[in-house]
Amino acid sequence: MIKKIRVLLVDDHMLVLDGLQARLELEGNIDIIATASNGLEALEKAKDTEPDLVLMDVSMPVLNGLEATKRFKAEQPHVKILMLSMHNDKEYILSLIQSGANGYVLKDVSSEELVQAINTVYQGGTYFSSGASDSLFSQVVPNLSCEELSKREMAVLKALAMGLSNKEIALSLNISVRTVETHRQNLKNKLNIHTSAGLVKYALAHQLID
């Protein structure tokens, strides 16, 4: 039996919620367990429904997506957060990543790409739709060097940037998941980058992958 991804949808527009729910429920591995119209309601519903992933708008009343993401990471850190927004401003996206969001998808993407984003984030990867990536990685990150990274750390970094989960990286490099986790932490320490999304940004900015 397929283990379904338990998704909580959050948007203050009922038509958007209805449309998202109708489309995502067509997927055999996605289960929409609840919907909410703002960040505060999402936090409360998540306590009762225990979602694997929250697909959340950014601009909402009562508690917006940015503040809700901060609280999710503080109160329910195991929950994956995928942001859905119409804004592609670089600083806007960066602020959400720094708050702990695992991915950022613009509302003009196809439903197929949204499903791909949900699956990638659920599996432990990060996901940015093309428009968000173009904005986010338009400039090279300054003052960072690859010189101190080992070959194994570079391999892990490249795999992370490709959206692979810890388990997938472990299998591809023939090492344990715990070793992958150690390399990830070493990368963060050496590069002074404190989020997985930041590591992806670094890898793309330095053209470590195509």
N, C-alpha and C. Protein backbone atom coordinates (compact mmCIF):
# COMPACT_ATOMS: atom_id res chain seq x y z
N MET A 1 0.84 -1.21 0.00
CA MET A 1 0.00 0.00 0.00
C MET A 1 0.87 1.25 0.00
N ILE A 2 0.56 2.20 -0.87
CA ILE A 2 1.34 3.42 -0.99
C ILE A 2 1.12 4.31 0.22
N LYS A 3 2.24 4.75 0.83
CA LYS A 3 2.12 5.70 1.93
C LYS A 3 1.86 7.09 1.35
N LYS A 4 0.73 7.65 1.69
CA LYS A 4 0.36 8.95 1.14
C LYS A 4 1.01 10.10 1.90
N ILE A 5 1.30 11.16 1.17
CA ILE A 5 1.84 12.38 1.77
C ILE A 5 0.67 13.17 2.35
N ARG A 6 0.71 13.38 3.65
CA ARG A 6 -0.37 14.09 4.33
C ARG A 6 -0.12 15.60 4.20
N VAL A 7 -0.98 16.27 3.44
CA VAL A 7 -0.77 17.68 3.10
C VAL A 7 -1.85 18.57 3.72
N LEU A 8 -1.39 19.66 4.32
CA LEU A 8 -2.28 20.71 4.82
C LEU A 8 -2.18 21.89 3.86
N LEU A 9 -3.30 22.31 3.28
CA LEU A 9 -3.34 23.44 2.34
C LEU A 9 -3.71 24.72 3.07
N VAL A 10 -2.98 25.80 2.77
CA VAL A 10 -3.23 27.07 3.47
C VAL A 10 -3.25 28.22 2.46
N ASP A 11 -4.41 28.86 2.33
CA ASP A 11 -4.56 30.02 1.44
C ASP A 11 -5.82 30.76 1.87
N ASP A 12 -5.80 32.07 1.77
CA ASP A 12 -6.95 32.84 2.21
C ASP A 12 -8.01 33.02 1.12
N HIS A 13 -7.78 32.42 -0.05
CA HIS A 13 -8.77 32.48 -1.12
C HIS A 13 -9.42 31.11 -1.28
N MET A 14 -10.71 31.04 -1.04
CA MET A 14 -11.42 29.77 -1.06
C MET A 14 -11.35 29.08 -2.42
N LEU A 15 -11.43 29.87 -3.49
CA LEU A 15 -11.36 29.28 -4.83
C LEU A 15 -10.02 28.61 -5.07
N VAL A 16 -8.95 29.24 -4.58
CA VAL A 16 -7.62 28.66 -4.72
C VAL A 16 -7.53 27.36 -3.95
N LEU A 17 -8.04 27.37 -2.71
CA LEU A 17 -8.03 26.16 -1.89
C LEU A 17 -8.79 25.03 -2.57
N ASP A 18 -9.98 25.35 -3.06
CA ASP A 18 -10.81 24.33 -3.71
C ASP A 18 -10.11 23.76 -4.94
N GLY A 19 -9.50 24.65 -5.72
CA GLY A 19 -8.82 24.21 -6.93
C GLY A 19 -7.61 23.33 -6.63
N LEU A 20 -6.82 23.76 -5.64
CA LEU A 20 -5.66 22.97 -5.25
C LEU A 20 -6.07 21.60 -4.72
N GLN A 21 -7.09 21.60 -3.87
CA GLN A 21 -7.52 20.33 -3.29
C GLN A 21 -8.04 19.38 -4.36
N ALA A 22 -8.84 19.91 -5.28
CA ALA A 22 -9.39 19.06 -6.34
C ALA A 22 -8.29 18.47 -7.21
N ARG A 23 -7.28 19.27 -7.53
CA ARG A 23 -6.19 18.78 -8.40
C ARG A 23 -5.28 17.79 -7.67
N LEU A 24 -4.89 18.12 -6.45
CA LEU A 24 -3.94 17.28 -5.74
C LEU A 24 -4.54 15.94 -5.31
N GLU A 25 -5.84 15.94 -5.10
CA GLU A 25 -6.49 14.68 -4.70
C GLU A 25 -6.56 13.67 -5.85
N LEU A 26 -6.21 14.11 -7.06
CA LEU A 26 -6.13 13.20 -8.19
C LEU A 26 -4.86 12.34 -8.12
N GLU A 27 -3.91 12.80 -7.30
CA GLU A 27 -2.65 12.07 -7.15
C GLU A 27 -2.82 10.93 -6.16
N GLY A 28 -2.37 9.76 -6.54
CA GLY A 28 -2.56 8.58 -5.70
C GLY A 28 -1.77 8.59 -4.41
N ASN A 29 -0.71 9.43 -4.35
CA ASN A 29 0.13 9.43 -3.16
C ASN A 29 -0.01 10.68 -2.31
N ILE A 30 -1.05 11.49 -2.58
CA ILE A 30 -1.26 12.72 -1.81
C ILE A 30 -2.64 12.70 -1.16
N ASP A 31 -2.65 13.01 0.12
CA ASP A 31 -3.89 13.05 0.88
C ASP A 31 -4.04 14.43 1.51
N ILE A 32 -5.06 15.18 1.09
CA ILE A 32 -5.31 16.50 1.67
C ILE A 32 -6.07 16.29 2.97
N ILE A 33 -5.38 16.46 4.09
CA ILE A 33 -5.98 16.14 5.38
C ILE A 33 -6.73 17.30 6.01
N ALA A 34 -6.43 18.54 5.55
CA ALA A 34 -7.13 19.71 6.09
C ALA A 34 -6.78 20.93 5.25
N THR A 35 -7.58 21.98 5.40
CA THR A 35 -7.30 23.27 4.77
C THR A 35 -7.42 24.36 5.83
N ALA A 36 -6.74 25.48 5.57
CA ALA A 36 -6.79 26.62 6.49
C ALA A 36 -6.71 27.91 5.69
N SER A 37 -7.20 29.00 6.26
CA SER A 37 -7.24 30.27 5.53
C SER A 37 -6.21 31.29 6.01
N ASN A 38 -5.43 30.94 7.04
CA ASN A 38 -4.35 31.82 7.49
C ASN A 38 -3.35 31.00 8.30
N GLY A 39 -2.22 31.61 8.60
CA GLY A 39 -1.15 30.89 9.28
C GLY A 39 -1.50 30.41 10.67
N LEU A 40 -2.24 31.21 11.40
CA LEU A 40 -2.61 30.82 12.76
C LEU A 40 -3.52 29.60 12.75
N GLU A 41 -4.50 29.61 11.86
CA GLU A 41 -5.39 28.46 11.73
C GLU A 41 -4.62 27.22 11.29
N ALA A 42 -3.62 27.42 10.43
CA ALA A 42 -2.81 26.30 9.96
C ALA A 42 -2.04 25.66 11.11
N LEU A 43 -1.47 26.48 11.98
CA LEU A 43 -0.72 25.96 13.12
C LEU A 43 -1.61 25.14 14.04
N GLU A 44 -2.81 25.64 14.27
CA GLU A 44 -3.75 24.92 15.15
C GLU A 44 -4.20 23.60 14.51
N LYS A 45 -4.52 23.64 13.22
CA LYS A 45 -4.98 22.42 12.55
C LYS A 45 -3.86 21.38 12.44
N ALA A 46 -2.62 21.87 12.29
CA ALA A 46 -1.50 20.94 12.18
C ALA A 46 -1.30 20.14 13.46
N LYS A 47 -1.61 20.74 14.60
CA LYS A 47 -1.48 20.04 15.88
C LYS A 47 -2.43 18.84 15.94
N ASP A 48 -3.59 19.00 15.33
CA ASP A 48 -4.60 17.93 15.38
C ASP A 48 -4.43 16.91 14.26
N THR A 49 -3.98 17.36 13.09
CA THR A 49 -3.95 16.48 11.92
C THR A 49 -2.58 15.89 11.61
N GLU A 50 -1.52 16.48 12.16
CA GLU A 50 -0.14 15.99 11.97
C GLU A 50 0.22 15.79 10.50
N PRO A 51 0.29 16.87 9.73
CA PRO A 51 0.64 16.75 8.31
C PRO A 51 2.13 16.44 8.13
N ASP A 52 2.45 15.87 6.98
CA ASP A 52 3.86 15.70 6.60
C ASP A 52 4.38 16.99 5.98
N LEU A 53 3.48 17.68 5.29
CA LEU A 53 3.88 18.86 4.52
C LEU A 53 2.77 19.90 4.53
N VAL A 54 3.17 21.17 4.63
CA VAL A 54 2.22 22.28 4.55
C VAL A 54 2.50 23.04 3.26
N LEU A 55 1.49 23.13 2.41
CA LEU A 55 1.57 23.94 1.19
C LEU A 55 0.87 25.24 1.50
N MET A 56 1.64 26.33 1.58
CA MET A 56 1.11 27.55 2.18
C MET A 56 1.38 28.80 1.35
N ASP A 57 0.36 29.63 1.24
CA ASP A 57 0.49 30.95 0.62
C ASP A 57 1.33 31.83 1.53
N VAL A 58 1.85 32.92 0.98
CA VAL A 58 2.66 33.85 1.76
C VAL A 58 1.81 35.00 2.30
N SER A 59 1.05 35.63 1.43
CA SER A 59 0.27 36.81 1.83
C SER A 59 -1.10 36.39 2.34
N MET A 60 -1.25 36.44 3.67
CA MET A 60 -2.51 36.03 4.29
C MET A 60 -2.79 36.92 5.50
N PRO A 61 -4.05 37.05 5.88
CA PRO A 61 -4.40 37.84 7.07
C PRO A 61 -4.08 37.07 8.36
N VAL A 62 -4.19 37.74 9.47
CA VAL A 62 -4.02 37.19 10.82
C VAL A 62 -2.56 36.81 11.09
N LEU A 63 -2.06 35.84 10.34
CA LEU A 63 -0.65 35.44 10.44
C LEU A 63 -0.18 35.03 9.05
N ASN A 64 0.77 35.78 8.49
CA ASN A 64 1.19 35.52 7.12
C ASN A 64 2.12 34.31 7.03
N GLY A 65 2.46 33.93 5.80
CA GLY A 65 3.26 32.73 5.58
C GLY A 65 4.64 32.80 6.19
N LEU A 66 5.26 33.97 6.17
CA LEU A 66 6.60 34.13 6.74
C LEU A 66 6.60 33.86 8.24
N GLU A 67 5.70 34.51 8.96
CA GLU A 67 5.64 34.33 10.41
C GLU A 67 5.17 32.91 10.77
N ALA A 68 4.26 32.39 9.97
CA ALA A 68 3.77 31.03 10.22
C ALA A 68 4.90 30.01 10.04
N THR A 69 5.75 30.22 9.03
CA THR A 69 6.88 29.32 8.80
C THR A 69 7.81 29.33 10.01
N LYS A 70 8.10 30.50 10.54
CA LYS A 70 8.97 30.60 11.72
C LYS A 70 8.39 29.81 12.89
N ARG A 71 7.09 29.93 13.07
CA ARG A 71 6.46 29.23 14.19
C ARG A 71 6.39 27.72 13.95
N PHE A 72 6.15 27.33 12.71
CA PHE A 72 6.16 25.89 12.39
C PHE A 72 7.51 25.29 12.72
N LYS A 73 8.58 25.96 12.33
CA LYS A 73 9.92 25.44 12.56
C LYS A 73 10.27 25.40 14.04
N ALA A 74 9.69 26.31 14.80
CA ALA A 74 9.94 26.32 16.24
C ALA A 74 9.08 25.30 16.98
N GLU A 75 7.83 25.16 16.56
CA GLU A 75 6.88 24.34 17.29
C GLU A 75 6.71 22.93 16.72
N GLN A 76 6.83 22.81 15.39
CA GLN A 76 6.65 21.51 14.72
C GLN A 76 7.71 21.35 13.63
N PRO A 77 8.98 21.25 14.05
CA PRO A 77 10.10 21.29 13.10
C PRO A 77 10.14 20.14 12.10
N HIS A 78 9.43 19.06 12.38
CA HIS A 78 9.43 17.91 11.47
C HIS A 78 8.57 18.15 10.23
N VAL A 79 7.68 19.14 10.27
CA VAL A 79 6.77 19.41 9.15
C VAL A 79 7.51 20.14 8.04
N LYS A 80 7.40 19.65 6.82
CA LYS A 80 7.99 20.31 5.66
C LYS A 80 7.10 21.48 5.24
N ILE A 81 7.74 22.58 4.83
CA ILE A 81 7.00 23.77 4.42
C ILE A 81 7.32 24.11 2.96
N LEU A 82 6.30 24.10 2.12
CA LEU A 82 6.43 24.49 0.72
C LEU A 82 5.59 25.74 0.50
N MET A 83 6.25 26.83 0.13
CA MET A 83 5.54 28.10 -0.05
C MET A 83 5.01 28.21 -1.48
N LEU A 84 3.85 28.81 -1.59
CA LEU A 84 3.20 29.04 -2.89
C LEU A 84 2.86 30.52 -2.96
N SER A 85 3.43 31.22 -3.93
CA SER A 85 3.26 32.67 -3.96
C SER A 85 3.31 33.23 -5.37
N MET A 86 2.82 34.45 -5.53
CA MET A 86 2.92 35.14 -6.81
C MET A 86 4.14 36.05 -6.85
N HIS A 87 4.83 36.20 -5.72
CA HIS A 87 5.97 37.12 -5.63
C HIS A 87 7.27 36.41 -5.98
N ASN A 88 8.09 37.01 -6.87
CA ASN A 88 9.38 36.43 -7.20
C ASN A 88 10.54 37.37 -6.87
N ASP A 89 10.32 38.27 -5.92
CA ASP A 89 11.38 39.17 -5.48
C ASP A 89 12.43 38.38 -4.69
N LYS A 90 13.70 38.60 -5.00
CA LYS A 90 14.78 37.83 -4.41
C LYS A 90 14.81 37.93 -2.89
N GLU A 91 14.72 39.14 -2.37
CA GLU A 91 14.79 39.32 -0.91
C GLU A 91 13.59 38.68 -0.23
N TYR A 92 12.46 38.72 -0.90
CA TYR A 92 11.23 38.12 -0.38
C TYR A 92 11.42 36.61 -0.23
N ILE A 93 11.99 35.99 -1.27
CA ILE A 93 12.22 34.55 -1.25
C ILE A 93 13.26 34.18 -0.21
N LEU A 94 14.34 34.96 -0.15
CA LEU A 94 15.41 34.68 0.81
C LEU A 94 14.91 34.74 2.25
N SER A 95 14.05 35.69 2.54
CA SER A 95 13.54 35.82 3.90
C SER A 95 12.76 34.57 4.31
N LEU A 96 12.05 33.98 3.37
CA LEU A 96 11.29 32.76 3.65
C LEU A 96 12.22 31.55 3.83
N ILE A 97 13.25 31.48 3.01
CA ILE A 97 14.21 30.39 3.14
C ILE A 97 14.91 30.47 4.50
N GLN A 98 15.30 31.67 4.88
CA GLN A 98 15.97 31.86 6.15
C GLN A 98 15.06 31.53 7.33
N SER A 99 13.77 31.61 7.10
CA SER A 99 12.81 31.27 8.14
C SER A 99 12.58 29.77 8.25
N GLY A 100 13.08 29.02 7.26
CA GLY A 100 12.98 27.57 7.33
C GLY A 100 12.15 26.90 6.26
N ALA A 101 11.65 27.65 5.27
CA ALA A 101 10.87 27.04 4.20
C ALA A 101 11.74 26.07 3.41
N ASN A 102 11.15 24.95 3.01
CA ASN A 102 11.88 23.93 2.27
C ASN A 102 11.78 24.08 0.76
N GLY A 103 10.92 24.97 0.32
CA GLY A 103 10.77 25.18 -1.11
C GLY A 103 9.88 26.38 -1.38
N TYR A 104 9.96 26.87 -2.62
CA TYR A 104 9.21 28.08 -2.99
C TYR A 104 8.75 27.92 -4.43
N VAL A 105 7.45 27.93 -4.63
CA VAL A 105 6.87 27.72 -5.95
C VAL A 105 5.97 28.90 -6.32
N LEU A 106 6.17 29.44 -7.50
CA LEU A 106 5.33 30.53 -7.95
C LEU A 106 3.98 29.99 -8.43
N LYS A 107 2.95 30.81 -8.30
CA LYS A 107 1.60 30.35 -8.60
C LYS A 107 1.33 30.17 -10.09
N ASP A 108 2.31 30.52 -10.92
CA ASP A 108 2.09 30.34 -12.36
C ASP A 108 2.62 28.99 -12.86
N VAL A 109 3.05 28.11 -11.96
CA VAL A 109 3.57 26.81 -12.39
C VAL A 109 2.42 25.89 -12.80
N SER A 110 2.76 24.86 -13.54
CA SER A 110 1.77 23.86 -13.91
C SER A 110 1.45 22.98 -12.70
N SER A 111 0.32 22.32 -12.74
CA SER A 111 -0.04 21.43 -11.65
C SER A 111 0.95 20.27 -11.54
N GLU A 112 1.50 19.85 -12.69
CA GLU A 112 2.48 18.76 -12.68
C GLU A 112 3.74 19.18 -11.93
N GLU A 113 4.17 20.43 -12.12
CA GLU A 113 5.36 20.89 -11.42
C GLU A 113 5.10 21.04 -9.93
N LEU A 114 3.89 21.45 -9.57
CA LEU A 114 3.55 21.57 -8.15
C LEU A 114 3.60 20.20 -7.48
N VAL A 115 3.11 19.19 -8.16
CA VAL A 115 3.17 17.82 -7.62
C VAL A 115 4.61 17.39 -7.46
N GLN A 116 5.44 17.72 -8.45
CA GLN A 116 6.87 17.38 -8.36
C GLN A 116 7.50 18.07 -7.16
N ALA A 117 7.14 19.32 -6.93
CA ALA A 117 7.69 20.07 -5.80
C ALA A 117 7.29 19.43 -4.47
N ILE A 118 6.04 19.03 -4.37
CA ILE A 118 5.56 18.38 -3.14
C ILE A 118 6.33 17.10 -2.88
N ASN A 119 6.51 16.28 -3.90
CA ASN A 119 7.23 15.02 -3.75
C ASN A 119 8.69 15.25 -3.37
N THR A 120 9.33 16.23 -4.00
CA THR A 120 10.73 16.52 -3.73
C THR A 120 10.94 16.98 -2.30
N VAL A 121 10.11 17.91 -1.85
CA VAL A 121 10.23 18.44 -0.49
C VAL A 121 9.91 17.36 0.54
N TYR A 122 8.89 16.57 0.27
CA TYR A 122 8.53 15.49 1.20
C TYR A 122 9.68 14.50 1.38
N GLN A 123 10.41 14.25 0.31
CA GLN A 123 11.51 13.29 0.34
C GLN A 123 12.79 13.86 0.94
N GLY A 124 12.73 15.11 1.38
CA GLY A 124 13.88 15.70 2.05
C GLY A 124 14.69 16.67 1.22
N GLY A 125 14.24 16.91 -0.03
CA GLY A 125 14.95 17.84 -0.89
C GLY A 125 14.41 19.26 -0.75
N THR A 126 14.97 20.15 -1.53
CA THR A 126 14.45 21.51 -1.63
C THR A 126 13.97 21.73 -3.05
N TYR A 127 13.02 22.64 -3.23
CA TYR A 127 12.49 22.86 -4.58
C TYR A 127 12.18 24.33 -4.78
N PHE A 128 12.67 24.86 -5.90
CA PHE A 128 12.34 26.22 -6.31
C PHE A 128 11.86 26.15 -7.75
N SER A 129 10.70 26.72 -8.02
CA SER A 129 10.23 26.75 -9.40
C SER A 129 11.18 27.62 -10.21
N SER A 130 11.13 27.48 -11.54
CA SER A 130 12.11 28.14 -12.39
C SER A 130 12.13 29.66 -12.19
N GLY A 131 10.96 30.27 -12.06
CA GLY A 131 10.91 31.71 -11.86
C GLY A 131 11.55 32.14 -10.56
N ALA A 132 11.32 31.37 -9.52
CA ALA A 132 11.93 31.67 -8.22
C ALA A 132 13.43 31.47 -8.28
N SER A 133 13.87 30.40 -8.95
CA SER A 133 15.30 30.13 -9.06
C SER A 133 16.00 31.23 -9.83
N ASP A 134 15.39 31.68 -10.92
CA ASP A 134 15.99 32.75 -11.73
C ASP A 134 16.22 34.00 -10.88
N SER A 135 15.25 34.31 -10.05
CA SER A 135 15.37 35.48 -9.18
C SER A 135 16.39 35.25 -8.08
N LEU A 136 16.31 34.09 -7.45
CA LEU A 136 17.12 33.81 -6.27
C LEU A 136 18.59 33.66 -6.60
N PHE A 137 18.90 33.02 -7.72
CA PHE A 137 20.29 32.71 -8.04
C PHE A 137 20.84 33.57 -9.17
N SER A 138 20.28 34.75 -9.33
CA SER A 138 20.69 35.63 -10.41
C SER A 138 22.07 36.22 -10.19
N GLN A 139 22.53 36.25 -8.93
CA GLN A 139 23.84 36.78 -8.62
C GLN A 139 24.67 35.73 -7.90
N VAL A 140 25.94 35.73 -8.15
CA VAL A 140 26.83 34.79 -7.48
C VAL A 140 27.01 35.20 -6.03
N VAL A 141 26.99 34.24 -5.14
CA VAL A 141 27.20 34.52 -3.72
C VAL A 141 28.66 34.87 -3.50
N PRO A 142 28.98 36.02 -2.90
CA PRO A 142 30.37 36.42 -2.73
C PRO A 142 31.01 35.77 -1.51
N ASN A 143 32.36 35.83 -1.48
CA ASN A 143 33.14 35.49 -0.28
C ASN A 143 32.96 34.05 0.19
N LEU A 144 32.71 33.13 -0.73
CA LEU A 144 32.62 31.73 -0.35
C LEU A 144 33.58 30.93 -1.22
N SER A 145 34.24 29.94 -0.64
CA SER A 145 35.24 29.18 -1.36
C SER A 145 34.99 27.69 -1.24
N CYS A 146 35.26 26.96 -2.31
CA CYS A 146 35.12 25.50 -2.30
C CYS A 146 36.42 24.81 -1.87
N GLU A 147 37.49 25.59 -1.67
CA GLU A 147 38.81 25.00 -1.49
C GLU A 147 38.91 24.07 -0.29
N GLU A 148 38.18 24.37 0.78
CA GLU A 148 38.32 23.58 1.99
C GLU A 148 37.42 22.34 2.01
N LEU A 149 36.63 22.13 0.98
CA LEU A 149 35.72 20.99 0.94
C LEU A 149 36.44 19.75 0.41
N SER A 150 36.15 18.62 1.04
CA SER A 150 36.70 17.35 0.57
C SER A 150 35.92 16.90 -0.67
N LYS A 151 36.46 15.91 -1.38
CA LYS A 151 35.77 15.39 -2.56
C LYS A 151 34.41 14.81 -2.17
N ARG A 152 34.36 14.15 -1.01
CA ARG A 152 33.10 13.56 -0.57
C ARG A 152 32.09 14.64 -0.22
N GLU A 153 32.54 15.71 0.44
CA GLU A 153 31.65 16.82 0.78
C GLU A 153 31.13 17.49 -0.49
N MET A 154 31.99 17.62 -1.50
CA MET A 154 31.54 18.20 -2.77
C MET A 154 30.48 17.33 -3.42
N ALA A 155 30.67 16.01 -3.35
CA ALA A 155 29.70 15.09 -3.94
C ALA A 155 28.36 15.19 -3.24
N VAL A 156 28.39 15.30 -1.92
CA VAL A 156 27.15 15.44 -1.15
C VAL A 156 26.48 16.77 -1.48
N LEU A 157 27.28 17.83 -1.58
CA LEU A 157 26.73 19.15 -1.90
C LEU A 157 26.05 19.15 -3.26
N LYS A 158 26.67 18.54 -4.24
CA LYS A 158 26.08 18.48 -5.58
C LYS A 158 24.77 17.69 -5.55
N ALA A 159 24.77 16.59 -4.80
CA ALA A 159 23.56 15.77 -4.71
C ALA A 159 22.42 16.53 -4.04
N LEU A 160 22.76 17.29 -3.00
CA LEU A 160 21.75 18.11 -2.32
C LEU A 160 21.15 19.12 -3.29
N ALA A 161 22.00 19.74 -4.10
CA ALA A 161 21.53 20.75 -5.05
C ALA A 161 20.63 20.15 -6.11
N MET A 162 20.78 18.84 -6.34
CA MET A 162 19.93 18.15 -7.32
C MET A 162 18.61 17.70 -6.70
N GLY A 163 18.44 17.98 -5.39
CA GLY A 163 17.18 17.67 -4.73
C GLY A 163 17.10 16.28 -4.16
N LEU A 164 18.22 15.58 -4.04
CA LEU A 164 18.20 14.22 -3.49
C LEU A 164 18.04 14.24 -1.98
N SER A 165 17.35 13.26 -1.44
CA SER A 165 17.19 13.13 -0.01
C SER A 165 18.45 12.49 0.59
N ASN A 166 18.57 12.52 1.91
CA ASN A 166 19.72 11.89 2.56
C ASN A 166 19.84 10.41 2.19
N LYS A 167 18.71 9.73 2.16
CA LYS A 167 18.72 8.30 1.83
C LYS A 167 19.19 8.07 0.40
N GLU A 168 18.71 8.90 -0.52
CA GLU A 168 19.11 8.77 -1.93
C GLU A 168 20.59 9.06 -2.11
N ILE A 169 21.09 10.06 -1.37
CA ILE A 169 22.51 10.39 -1.44
C ILE A 169 23.34 9.22 -0.90
N ALA A 170 22.89 8.66 0.21
CA ALA A 170 23.60 7.54 0.82
C ALA A 170 23.70 6.37 -0.16
N LEU A 171 22.61 6.07 -0.84
CA LEU A 171 22.60 4.97 -1.81
C LEU A 171 23.51 5.27 -3.00
N SER A 172 23.47 6.48 -3.49
CA SER A 172 24.26 6.82 -4.68
C SER A 172 25.75 6.85 -4.38
N LEU A 173 26.13 7.21 -3.15
CA LEU A 173 27.55 7.29 -2.79
C LEU A 173 28.04 6.07 -2.01
N ASN A 174 27.12 5.13 -1.76
CA ASN A 174 27.45 3.91 -1.03
C ASN A 174 28.00 4.21 0.37
N ILE A 175 27.32 5.11 1.07
CA ILE A 175 27.67 5.44 2.44
C ILE A 175 26.39 5.41 3.27
N SER A 176 26.52 5.52 4.59
CA SER A 176 25.34 5.46 5.45
C SER A 176 24.63 6.81 5.48
N VAL A 177 23.37 6.78 5.87
CA VAL A 177 22.60 8.02 6.01
C VAL A 177 23.24 8.91 7.08
N ARG A 178 23.73 8.28 8.14
CA ARG A 178 24.37 9.06 9.21
C ARG A 178 25.62 9.78 8.70
N THR A 179 26.35 9.13 7.82
CA THR A 179 27.54 9.78 7.23
C THR A 179 27.13 10.96 6.36
N VAL A 180 26.03 10.81 5.63
CA VAL A 180 25.52 11.93 4.82
C VAL A 180 25.18 13.11 5.73
N GLU A 181 24.50 12.81 6.83
CA GLU A 181 24.12 13.86 7.77
C GLU A 181 25.36 14.56 8.33
N THR A 182 26.41 13.79 8.59
CA THR A 182 27.67 14.38 9.09
C THR A 182 28.28 15.31 8.05
N HIS A 183 28.29 14.86 6.79
CA HIS A 183 28.83 15.70 5.72
C HIS A 183 28.01 16.98 5.56
N ARG A 184 26.70 16.87 5.67
CA ARG A 184 25.84 18.07 5.57
C ARG A 184 26.20 19.07 6.66
N GLN A 185 26.38 18.57 7.88
CA GLN A 185 26.72 19.48 8.97
C GLN A 185 28.11 20.09 8.77
N ASN A 186 29.04 19.30 8.27
CA ASN A 186 30.38 19.82 8.00
C ASN A 186 30.33 20.91 6.93
N LEU A 187 29.49 20.70 5.91
CA LEU A 187 29.34 21.70 4.86
C LEU A 187 28.82 23.02 5.44
N LYS A 188 27.80 22.91 6.29
CA LYS A 188 27.22 24.11 6.90
C LYS A 188 28.26 24.84 7.74
N ASN A 189 29.06 24.07 8.48
CA ASN A 189 30.07 24.68 9.34
C ASN A 189 31.18 25.35 8.53
N LYS A 190 31.67 24.64 7.52
CA LYS A 190 32.78 25.17 6.72
C LYS A 190 32.37 26.39 5.91
N LEU A 191 31.15 26.36 5.36
CA LEU A 191 30.70 27.44 4.49
C LEU A 191 29.94 28.52 5.24
N ASN A 192 29.73 28.28 6.54
CA ASN A 192 28.95 29.22 7.36
C ASN A 192 27.56 29.45 6.77
N ILE A 193 26.94 28.33 6.36
CA ILE A 193 25.59 28.34 5.82
C ILE A 193 24.74 27.46 6.72
N HIS A 194 23.61 27.95 7.16
CA HIS A 194 22.90 27.27 8.23
C HIS A 194 21.60 26.60 7.81
N THR A 195 21.29 26.60 6.53
CA THR A 195 20.08 25.93 6.06
C THR A 195 20.40 25.10 4.83
N SER A 196 19.60 24.07 4.59
CA SER A 196 19.78 23.24 3.39
C SER A 196 19.54 24.06 2.13
N ALA A 197 18.57 24.96 2.20
CA ALA A 197 18.29 25.82 1.04
C ALA A 197 19.49 26.71 0.73
N GLY A 198 20.19 27.13 1.78
CA GLY A 198 21.39 27.94 1.58
C GLY A 198 22.48 27.15 0.88
N LEU A 199 22.60 25.87 1.20
CA LEU A 199 23.59 25.02 0.53
C LEU A 199 23.25 24.87 -0.95
N VAL A 200 21.97 24.73 -1.26
CA VAL A 200 21.53 24.64 -2.66
C VAL A 200 21.88 25.93 -3.40
N LYS A 201 21.61 27.04 -2.76
CA LYS A 201 21.93 28.34 -3.36
C LYS A 201 23.42 28.45 -3.65
N TYR A 202 24.23 28.02 -2.70
CA TYR A 202 25.68 28.04 -2.87
C TYR A 202 26.12 27.21 -4.07
N ALA A 203 25.59 25.99 -4.15
CA ALA A 203 25.97 25.08 -5.22
C ALA A 203 25.60 25.65 -6.60
N LEU A 204 24.42 26.21 -6.69
CA LEU A 204 23.97 26.77 -7.98
C LEU A 204 24.77 28.03 -8.33
N ALA A 205 25.01 28.86 -7.33
CA ALA A 205 25.74 30.10 -7.56
C ALA A 205 27.16 29.83 -8.03
N HIS A 206 27.75 28.74 -7.56
CA HIS A 206 29.11 28.39 -7.93
C HIS A 206 29.16 27.38 -9.08
N GLN A 207 28.00 27.17 -9.71
CA GLN A 207 27.92 26.33 -10.91
C GLN A 207 28.48 24.93 -10.67
N LEU A 208 28.19 24.38 -9.48
CA LEU A 208 28.63 23.02 -9.18
C LEU A 208 27.75 21.99 -9.88
N ILE A 209 26.55 22.40 -10.30
CA ILE A 209 25.70 21.56 -11.14
C ILE A 209 25.20 22.40 -12.30
N ASP A 210 24.69 21.74 -13.33
CA ASP A 210 24.17 22.47 -14.49
C ASP A 210 22.91 23.20 -14.14
